[in-house]
Protein backbone atom coordinates (compact mmCIF):
# COMPACT_ATOMS: atom_id res chain seq x y z
CA UNK A 1 2.19 28.35 -4.23
CA UNK A 2 3.44 24.96 -5.33
CA UNK A 3 3.12 24.88 -9.11
CA UNK A 4 4.80 21.46 -9.63
CA UNK A 5 6.56 22.34 -12.82
CA UNK A 6 10.10 21.59 -13.98
CA UNK A 7 10.77 25.33 -14.02
CA UNK A 8 10.08 25.43 -10.28
CA UNK A 9 12.10 22.28 -9.54
CA UNK A 10 9.50 19.55 -9.00
CA UNK A 11 7.34 18.14 -11.75
CA UNK A 12 7.00 14.64 -10.31
CA UNK A 13 5.42 15.01 -6.85
CA UNK A 14 1.67 15.01 -6.44
CA UNK A 15 0.53 18.59 -6.03
CA UNK A 16 -2.57 19.19 -3.89
CA UNK A 17 -2.82 22.85 -4.89
CA UNK A 18 -3.07 21.95 -8.57
CA UNK A 19 -5.41 19.04 -7.91
CA UNK A 20 -7.72 21.19 -5.78
CA UNK A 21 -7.84 23.82 -8.53
CA UNK A 22 -8.69 21.14 -11.08
CA UNK A 23 -11.30 19.34 -9.02
CA UNK A 24 -13.07 22.62 -8.25
CA UNK A 25 -14.49 22.29 -11.78
CA UNK A 26 -16.09 18.94 -10.90
CA UNK A 27 -19.25 20.04 -9.13
CA UNK A 28 -21.41 16.94 -9.23
CA UNK A 29 -21.24 13.17 -8.81
CA UNK A 30 -20.02 12.76 -12.37
CA UNK A 31 -17.59 14.56 -14.67
CA UNK A 32 -18.71 15.35 -18.18
CA UNK A 33 -16.41 15.75 -21.15
CA UNK A 34 -17.10 19.49 -21.06
CA UNK A 35 -16.16 19.76 -17.36
CA UNK A 36 -12.95 17.77 -17.93
CA UNK A 37 -12.01 19.94 -20.92
CA UNK A 38 -12.73 23.14 -18.99
CA UNK A 39 -10.63 22.00 -16.01
CA UNK A 40 -7.76 21.06 -18.32
CA UNK A 41 -7.92 24.37 -20.21
CA UNK A 42 -7.84 26.36 -16.95
CA UNK A 43 -4.91 24.26 -15.73
CA UNK A 44 -2.91 25.00 -18.89
CA UNK A 45 -3.75 28.69 -18.60
CA UNK A 46 -2.65 28.72 -14.93
CA UNK A 47 0.64 27.04 -15.81
CA UNK A 48 1.31 29.58 -18.55
CA UNK A 49 0.47 32.48 -16.22
CA UNK A 50 2.99 31.53 -13.51
CA UNK A 51 5.80 29.99 -15.55
CA UNK A 52 7.76 32.49 -17.65
CA UNK A 53 9.23 29.62 -19.69
CA UNK A 54 5.94 27.85 -20.31
CA UNK A 55 5.47 26.57 -23.81
CA UNK A 56 3.44 23.77 -25.21
CA UNK A 57 3.16 22.52 -28.73
CA UNK A 58 -0.15 21.53 -30.22
CA UNK A 59 0.92 17.90 -29.76
CA UNK A 60 1.70 18.60 -26.11
CA UNK A 61 -1.72 20.10 -25.51
CA UNK A 62 -3.37 17.16 -27.25
CA UNK A 63 -1.36 14.83 -25.02
CA UNK A 64 -2.80 16.47 -21.94
CA UNK A 65 -6.29 16.05 -23.38
CA UNK A 66 -5.58 12.34 -23.73
CA UNK A 67 -4.82 12.23 -20.00
CA UNK A 68 -8.31 13.54 -19.31
CA UNK A 69 -9.81 11.16 -21.85
CA UNK A 70 -8.11 8.30 -20.03
CA UNK A 71 -9.95 8.81 -16.75
CA UNK A 72 -13.20 9.57 -18.55
CA UNK A 73 -13.03 6.19 -20.30
CA UNK A 74 -11.69 4.18 -17.35
CA UNK A 75 -14.18 5.54 -14.81
CA UNK A 76 -17.13 5.93 -17.16
CA UNK A 77 -20.55 5.60 -15.61
CA UNK A 78 -22.87 6.15 -18.54
CA UNK A 79 -21.46 9.01 -20.58
CA UNK A 80 -19.56 10.58 -17.68
CA UNK A 81 -16.88 9.59 -15.17
CA UNK A 82 -17.72 9.17 -11.50
CA UNK A 83 -16.11 12.08 -9.66
CA UNK A 84 -15.33 10.02 -6.57
CA UNK A 85 -13.40 7.42 -8.58
CA UNK A 86 -11.37 10.09 -10.39
CA UNK A 87 -10.57 11.79 -7.10
CA UNK A 88 -9.42 8.51 -5.54
CA UNK A 89 -7.15 7.89 -8.52
CA UNK A 90 -5.51 11.30 -8.20
CA UNK A 91 -5.58 12.16 -4.57
CA UNK A 92 -7.68 10.24 -2.12
CA UNK A 93 -11.19 9.99 -0.80
CA UNK A 94 -13.52 12.94 -1.26
CA UNK A 95 -14.42 14.76 1.90
């Protein structure tokens, strides 16, 4: 497991394990606000489950929601973000 958290020594490298967990919630050509929120909530829950020092303030959680809002706005195609574009931004071409 590579949790990419300061507690584990590396919070700055791209983490494929985390990204693959997150993108597993994006099951179609576009990502809805609900899918993005669900993926983010699961990610926060996963971080809390494996990191004994995990803590996040309400402001911190809202900050992570803004990260999701960013790609939803930037890659918007109608009311949703194109999954392929989000994947390219975070990790590469979809296979």
